[in-house]
Amino acid sequence: MLIKLFGILDLGAAVMFILLKYSLGVSLAYFFIFYLLIKGLLFFGDFNSILDILTSIFMYLATQDLFFFFSWLFILHLLQKAFFSLVG
């Protein structure tokens, strides 16, 4: 059940990250930034946790209108994590 909740939140974070490209939902994005940062720190020690922390950093930069091309890689990472959490 907790894995499905993480999958839904990761999907929401990916959608929010895409919306930040168009400067939409900035105030709601801070929830997902803190969610990814806390989750990355709680489960620190594996590669996905490090990517969660990096994703939260780049999502924060996107709230400041700094959206980089490789931010799409972080979005794909969130989408694949959401997919495997919800399917598995």
Protein backbone atom coordinates (compact mmCIF):
# COMPACT_ATOMS: atom_id res chain seq x y z
CA MET A 1 0.00 0.00 0.00
CA LEU A 2 2.83 2.42 0.84
CA ILE A 3 4.55 1.62 -2.46
CA LYS A 4 1.39 2.55 -4.38
CA LEU A 5 1.19 5.83 -2.45
CA PHE A 6 4.82 6.58 -3.36
CA GLY A 7 3.97 5.75 -6.98
CA ILE A 8 1.07 8.19 -7.02
CA LEU A 9 3.18 10.91 -5.40
CA ASP A 10 6.02 10.29 -7.88
CA LEU A 11 3.53 10.59 -10.74
CA GLY A 12 2.26 13.84 -9.26
CA ALA A 13 5.83 15.11 -8.93
CA ALA A 14 6.53 14.26 -12.58
CA VAL A 15 3.41 16.09 -13.74
CA MET A 16 4.26 19.05 -11.54
CA PHE A 17 7.80 19.11 -12.93
CA ILE A 18 6.35 19.28 -16.46
CA LEU A 19 4.00 22.10 -15.42
CA LEU A 20 6.95 24.03 -14.03
CA LYS A 21 8.33 24.18 -17.57
CA TYR A 22 5.41 26.55 -18.26
CA SER A 23 5.60 28.28 -14.84
CA LEU A 24 2.37 26.68 -13.61
CA GLY A 25 1.74 25.40 -10.09
CA VAL A 26 4.84 26.83 -8.46
CA SER A 27 3.35 26.93 -4.95
CA LEU A 28 2.20 23.28 -5.14
CA ALA A 29 5.60 22.25 -6.47
CA TYR A 30 7.19 22.99 -3.11
CA PHE A 31 5.19 20.10 -1.60
CA PHE A 32 6.69 17.70 -4.13
CA ILE A 33 10.16 19.17 -3.66
CA PHE A 34 10.00 18.48 0.07
CA TYR A 35 8.44 15.07 -0.54
CA LEU A 36 11.29 13.99 -2.82
CA LEU A 37 13.93 15.44 -0.53
CA ILE A 38 12.52 13.73 2.58
CA LYS A 39 12.06 10.42 0.75
CA GLY A 40 15.59 10.64 -0.61
CA LEU A 41 17.04 11.30 2.83
CA LEU A 42 14.94 8.63 4.57
CA PHE A 43 16.00 5.89 2.18
CA PHE A 44 19.50 7.26 1.59
CA GLY A 45 22.03 4.71 0.48
CA ASP A 46 20.95 3.58 -2.95
CA PHE A 47 21.05 5.17 -6.38
CA ASN A 48 17.32 6.01 -6.52
CA SER A 49 17.55 8.01 -3.30
CA ILE A 50 20.37 10.08 -4.71
CA LEU A 51 18.32 10.67 -7.84
CA ASP A 52 15.35 11.73 -5.69
CA ILE A 53 17.52 14.32 -3.95
CA LEU A 54 18.89 15.56 -7.27
CA THR A 55 15.38 15.68 -8.70
CA SER A 56 14.21 17.81 -5.80
CA ILE A 57 17.12 20.20 -6.37
CA PHE A 58 16.39 20.52 -10.08
CA MET A 59 12.68 20.88 -9.39
CA TYR A 60 13.51 23.75 -7.06
CA LEU A 61 15.61 25.34 -9.80
CA ALA A 62 12.62 24.95 -12.15
CA THR A 63 10.49 26.94 -9.71
CA GLN A 64 13.05 29.72 -10.15
CA ASP A 65 12.57 29.53 -13.97
CA LEU A 66 15.78 27.55 -14.51
CA PHE A 67 14.58 24.54 -16.50
CA PHE A 68 17.46 22.62 -18.03
CA PHE A 69 17.26 20.25 -20.98
CA PHE A 70 18.38 17.26 -18.92
CA SER A 71 15.57 17.98 -16.45
CA TRP A 72 13.57 15.76 -18.76
CA LEU A 73 15.74 12.86 -17.61
CA PHE A 74 14.60 13.46 -14.04
CA ILE A 75 10.99 13.56 -15.24
CA LEU A 76 11.48 10.23 -17.03
CA HIS A 77 13.03 8.82 -13.86
CA LEU A 78 9.96 9.84 -11.84
CA LEU A 79 7.59 8.45 -14.46
CA GLN A 80 9.32 5.07 -14.59
CA LYS A 81 9.38 4.86 -10.79
CA ALA A 82 5.68 5.68 -10.68
CA PHE A 83 4.91 3.10 -13.36
CA PHE A 84 6.78 0.28 -11.63
CA SER A 85 5.34 1.21 -8.23
CA LEU A 86 1.77 1.17 -9.51
CA VAL A 87 2.08 -1.91 -11.73
CA GLY A 88 4.15 -4.10 -9.41
